[in-house]
N, C-alpha and C. Protein backbone atom coordinates (compact mmCIF):
# COMPACT_ATOMS: atom_id res chain seq x y z
N MET A 1 15.18 0.49 -21.60
CA MET A 1 15.74 1.54 -20.78
C MET A 1 14.99 1.53 -19.46
N ALA A 2 15.72 1.71 -18.39
CA ALA A 2 15.10 1.74 -17.07
C ALA A 2 15.59 2.98 -16.32
N PHE A 3 14.74 3.47 -15.46
CA PHE A 3 15.08 4.62 -14.63
C PHE A 3 14.84 4.20 -13.19
N VAL A 4 15.87 4.33 -12.40
CA VAL A 4 15.76 3.97 -10.99
C VAL A 4 16.08 5.19 -10.16
N CYS A 5 15.22 5.46 -9.22
CA CYS A 5 15.43 6.59 -8.31
C CYS A 5 15.27 6.07 -6.89
N VAL A 6 16.21 6.45 -6.06
CA VAL A 6 16.13 6.09 -4.65
C VAL A 6 15.78 7.35 -3.88
N ALA A 7 14.70 7.28 -3.13
CA ALA A 7 14.24 8.44 -2.37
C ALA A 7 13.87 7.99 -0.97
N PRO A 8 14.11 8.84 -0.01
CA PRO A 8 13.74 8.47 1.36
C PRO A 8 12.21 8.40 1.51
N ILE A 9 11.76 7.44 2.26
CA ILE A 9 10.33 7.31 2.54
C ILE A 9 10.07 7.96 3.90
N ASP A 10 10.04 9.26 3.87
CA ASP A 10 9.77 10.02 5.09
C ASP A 10 9.04 11.29 4.70
N GLU A 11 9.03 12.27 5.56
CA GLU A 11 8.27 13.49 5.29
C GLU A 11 8.81 14.28 4.09
N SER A 12 10.04 13.98 3.64
CA SER A 12 10.60 14.71 2.50
C SER A 12 10.21 14.08 1.16
N LEU A 13 9.53 12.93 1.16
CA LEU A 13 9.17 12.27 -0.10
C LEU A 13 8.34 13.16 -1.02
N PRO A 14 7.30 13.86 -0.54
CA PRO A 14 6.54 14.72 -1.45
C PRO A 14 7.42 15.79 -2.12
N GLU A 15 8.35 16.37 -1.38
CA GLU A 15 9.25 17.37 -1.95
C GLU A 15 10.17 16.74 -2.99
N THR A 16 10.64 15.53 -2.70
CA THR A 16 11.52 14.83 -3.64
C THR A 16 10.78 14.53 -4.93
N ILE A 17 9.56 14.04 -4.83
CA ILE A 17 8.77 13.74 -6.02
C ILE A 17 8.46 15.02 -6.79
N GLU A 18 8.16 16.09 -6.10
CA GLU A 18 7.88 17.37 -6.77
C GLU A 18 9.11 17.87 -7.52
N ALA A 19 10.29 17.74 -6.92
CA ALA A 19 11.53 18.17 -7.57
C ALA A 19 11.81 17.32 -8.81
N MET A 20 11.58 16.02 -8.70
CA MET A 20 11.79 15.14 -9.86
C MET A 20 10.80 15.47 -10.97
N ASP A 21 9.55 15.75 -10.62
CA ASP A 21 8.53 16.09 -11.60
C ASP A 21 8.89 17.39 -12.32
N LYS A 22 9.36 18.37 -11.56
CA LYS A 22 9.76 19.65 -12.16
C LYS A 22 10.93 19.47 -13.12
N ALA A 23 11.93 18.68 -12.70
CA ALA A 23 13.09 18.44 -13.55
C ALA A 23 12.68 17.75 -14.85
N MET A 24 11.79 16.76 -14.77
CA MET A 24 11.33 16.06 -15.97
C MET A 24 10.52 16.99 -16.87
N ASN A 25 9.65 17.80 -16.29
CA ASN A 25 8.87 18.75 -17.08
C ASN A 25 9.76 19.78 -17.75
N ASP A 26 10.78 20.27 -17.04
CA ASP A 26 11.70 21.25 -17.62
C ASP A 26 12.45 20.63 -18.80
N TRP A 27 12.92 19.38 -18.62
CA TRP A 27 13.64 18.70 -19.69
C TRP A 27 12.72 18.47 -20.89
N THR A 28 11.49 18.05 -20.65
CA THR A 28 10.55 17.81 -21.74
C THR A 28 10.28 19.11 -22.50
N ASP A 29 10.11 20.21 -21.78
CA ASP A 29 9.88 21.50 -22.44
C ASP A 29 11.07 21.90 -23.30
N LYS A 30 12.28 21.72 -22.79
CA LYS A 30 13.49 22.05 -23.57
C LYS A 30 13.56 21.20 -24.83
N ALA A 31 13.30 19.90 -24.69
CA ALA A 31 13.33 19.01 -25.85
C ALA A 31 12.26 19.39 -26.87
N ALA A 32 11.07 19.76 -26.38
CA ALA A 32 9.98 20.16 -27.27
C ALA A 32 10.34 21.41 -28.07
N ARG A 33 11.15 22.27 -27.47
CA ARG A 33 11.60 23.50 -28.16
C ARG A 33 12.85 23.27 -29.00
N GLY A 34 13.39 22.04 -28.98
CA GLY A 34 14.60 21.73 -29.75
C GLY A 34 15.87 22.22 -29.10
N GLU A 35 15.84 22.45 -27.79
CA GLU A 35 17.02 22.97 -27.08
C GLU A 35 17.94 21.87 -26.56
N CYS A 36 17.45 20.62 -26.57
CA CYS A 36 18.27 19.50 -26.12
C CYS A 36 17.75 18.22 -26.75
N ALA A 37 18.50 17.15 -26.61
CA ALA A 37 18.11 15.86 -27.16
C ALA A 37 16.88 15.32 -26.44
N TRP A 38 16.21 14.38 -27.08
CA TRP A 38 15.01 13.76 -26.52
C TRP A 38 15.05 12.27 -26.81
N ILE A 39 14.56 11.47 -25.89
CA ILE A 39 14.46 10.02 -26.07
C ILE A 39 13.00 9.63 -25.91
N CYS A 40 12.47 8.93 -26.88
CA CYS A 40 11.08 8.48 -26.82
C CYS A 40 10.96 7.37 -25.78
N SER A 41 10.04 7.52 -24.87
CA SER A 41 9.86 6.52 -23.82
C SER A 41 9.19 5.25 -24.33
N ASP A 42 8.57 5.30 -25.50
CA ASP A 42 7.93 4.11 -26.05
C ASP A 42 8.91 3.25 -26.84
N CYS A 43 9.63 3.85 -27.77
CA CYS A 43 10.52 3.07 -28.64
C CYS A 43 12.00 3.21 -28.29
N CYS A 44 12.31 4.11 -27.36
CA CYS A 44 13.69 4.35 -26.91
C CYS A 44 14.60 4.90 -28.01
N CYS A 45 14.03 5.43 -29.09
CA CYS A 45 14.83 6.09 -30.11
C CYS A 45 15.27 7.45 -29.58
N SER A 46 16.48 7.83 -29.91
CA SER A 46 16.96 9.14 -29.48
C SER A 46 16.92 10.12 -30.65
N PHE A 47 16.64 11.36 -30.30
CA PHE A 47 16.54 12.43 -31.28
C PHE A 47 17.44 13.58 -30.80
N PRO A 48 18.70 13.62 -31.29
CA PRO A 48 19.65 14.63 -30.81
C PRO A 48 19.18 16.06 -31.05
N GLU A 49 18.35 16.26 -32.06
CA GLU A 49 17.89 17.61 -32.40
C GLU A 49 16.68 18.04 -31.58
N GLY A 50 16.20 17.19 -30.71
CA GLY A 50 15.05 17.52 -29.89
C GLY A 50 13.83 16.69 -30.29
N MET A 51 12.72 17.00 -29.67
CA MET A 51 11.48 16.26 -29.91
C MET A 51 11.00 16.48 -31.35
N PRO A 52 10.72 15.40 -32.08
CA PRO A 52 10.22 15.56 -33.45
C PRO A 52 8.78 16.08 -33.42
N ASP A 53 8.26 16.44 -34.59
CA ASP A 53 6.88 16.93 -34.67
C ASP A 53 5.86 15.81 -34.67
N LYS A 54 6.30 14.60 -35.01
CA LYS A 54 5.40 13.45 -35.01
C LYS A 54 6.21 12.18 -34.75
N CYS A 55 5.51 11.12 -34.44
CA CYS A 55 6.14 9.84 -34.14
C CYS A 55 6.94 9.35 -35.35
N ALA A 56 8.16 8.92 -35.09
CA ALA A 56 9.03 8.42 -36.15
C ALA A 56 8.52 7.10 -36.72
N HIS A 57 7.62 6.43 -36.02
CA HIS A 57 7.10 5.14 -36.45
C HIS A 57 5.64 5.22 -36.89
N GLY A 58 5.09 6.42 -36.95
CA GLY A 58 3.73 6.60 -37.45
C GLY A 58 2.62 6.28 -36.47
N HIS A 59 2.91 6.20 -35.19
CA HIS A 59 1.88 5.89 -34.20
C HIS A 59 1.13 7.17 -33.81
N GLN A 60 -0.16 7.22 -34.07
CA GLN A 60 -0.94 8.42 -33.80
C GLN A 60 -0.97 8.77 -32.33
N LYS A 61 -1.07 7.78 -31.45
CA LYS A 61 -1.09 8.06 -30.01
C LYS A 61 0.19 8.79 -29.59
N CYS A 62 1.32 8.35 -30.10
CA CYS A 62 2.59 9.02 -29.77
C CYS A 62 2.62 10.44 -30.35
N THR A 63 2.14 10.59 -31.58
CA THR A 63 2.09 11.92 -32.20
C THR A 63 1.22 12.85 -31.39
N ASP A 64 0.09 12.34 -30.88
CA ASP A 64 -0.78 13.17 -30.04
C ASP A 64 -0.06 13.63 -28.77
N ILE A 65 0.71 12.75 -28.15
CA ILE A 65 1.46 13.10 -26.95
C ILE A 65 2.54 14.13 -27.27
N ILE A 66 3.23 13.92 -28.39
CA ILE A 66 4.27 14.86 -28.81
C ILE A 66 3.66 16.24 -29.04
N GLN A 67 2.53 16.29 -29.75
CA GLN A 67 1.88 17.58 -30.02
C GLN A 67 1.43 18.25 -28.73
N ARG A 68 0.91 17.46 -27.77
CA ARG A 68 0.51 18.01 -26.47
C ARG A 68 1.72 18.59 -25.74
N ASP A 69 2.83 17.84 -25.73
CA ASP A 69 4.03 18.31 -25.04
C ASP A 69 4.58 19.58 -25.68
N LYS A 70 4.54 19.65 -26.99
CA LYS A 70 5.01 20.86 -27.68
C LYS A 70 4.10 22.05 -27.37
N ALA A 71 2.79 21.81 -27.31
CA ALA A 71 1.84 22.88 -26.97
C ALA A 71 2.07 23.36 -25.53
N MET A 72 2.36 22.44 -24.62
CA MET A 72 2.65 22.84 -23.23
C MET A 72 3.93 23.67 -23.17
N ALA A 73 4.95 23.29 -23.94
CA ALA A 73 6.21 24.03 -23.95
C ALA A 73 6.02 25.45 -24.47
N ARG A 74 5.08 25.61 -25.41
CA ARG A 74 4.78 26.95 -25.95
C ARG A 74 3.87 27.75 -25.01
N GLY A 75 3.27 27.06 -24.04
CA GLY A 75 2.34 27.73 -23.14
C GLY A 75 0.93 27.79 -23.68
N ASP A 76 0.65 27.01 -24.73
CA ASP A 76 -0.69 27.01 -25.34
C ASP A 76 -1.71 26.22 -24.51
N VAL A 77 -1.26 25.26 -23.73
CA VAL A 77 -2.12 24.47 -22.86
C VAL A 77 -1.47 24.39 -21.48
N PRO A 78 -2.26 24.23 -20.42
CA PRO A 78 -1.66 24.16 -19.08
C PRO A 78 -0.84 22.89 -18.92
N PRO A 79 0.18 22.91 -18.03
CA PRO A 79 0.99 21.72 -17.78
C PRO A 79 0.13 20.54 -17.33
N ASN A 80 0.57 19.36 -17.73
CA ASN A 80 -0.10 18.10 -17.38
C ASN A 80 -1.55 18.06 -17.84
N ALA A 81 -1.82 18.65 -18.99
CA ALA A 81 -3.19 18.64 -19.56
C ALA A 81 -3.51 17.28 -20.13
């Protein structure tokens, strides 16, 4: 899976990147709460019911990231911790 974004390289670039970051964080929070589907960026598996509680393939590093994202969605840890 690839993601391509075209953005102007001018004074609006920081605002564009900030808007993209906010949109991605909002989507991740929704998926962590089970409000929308989620796609794992490592294995590209999709989870229509939202972010699982642990890695579907048993990878501890992925499970740690999932748990961090779920904690951020609950407000237990600051964003981008």
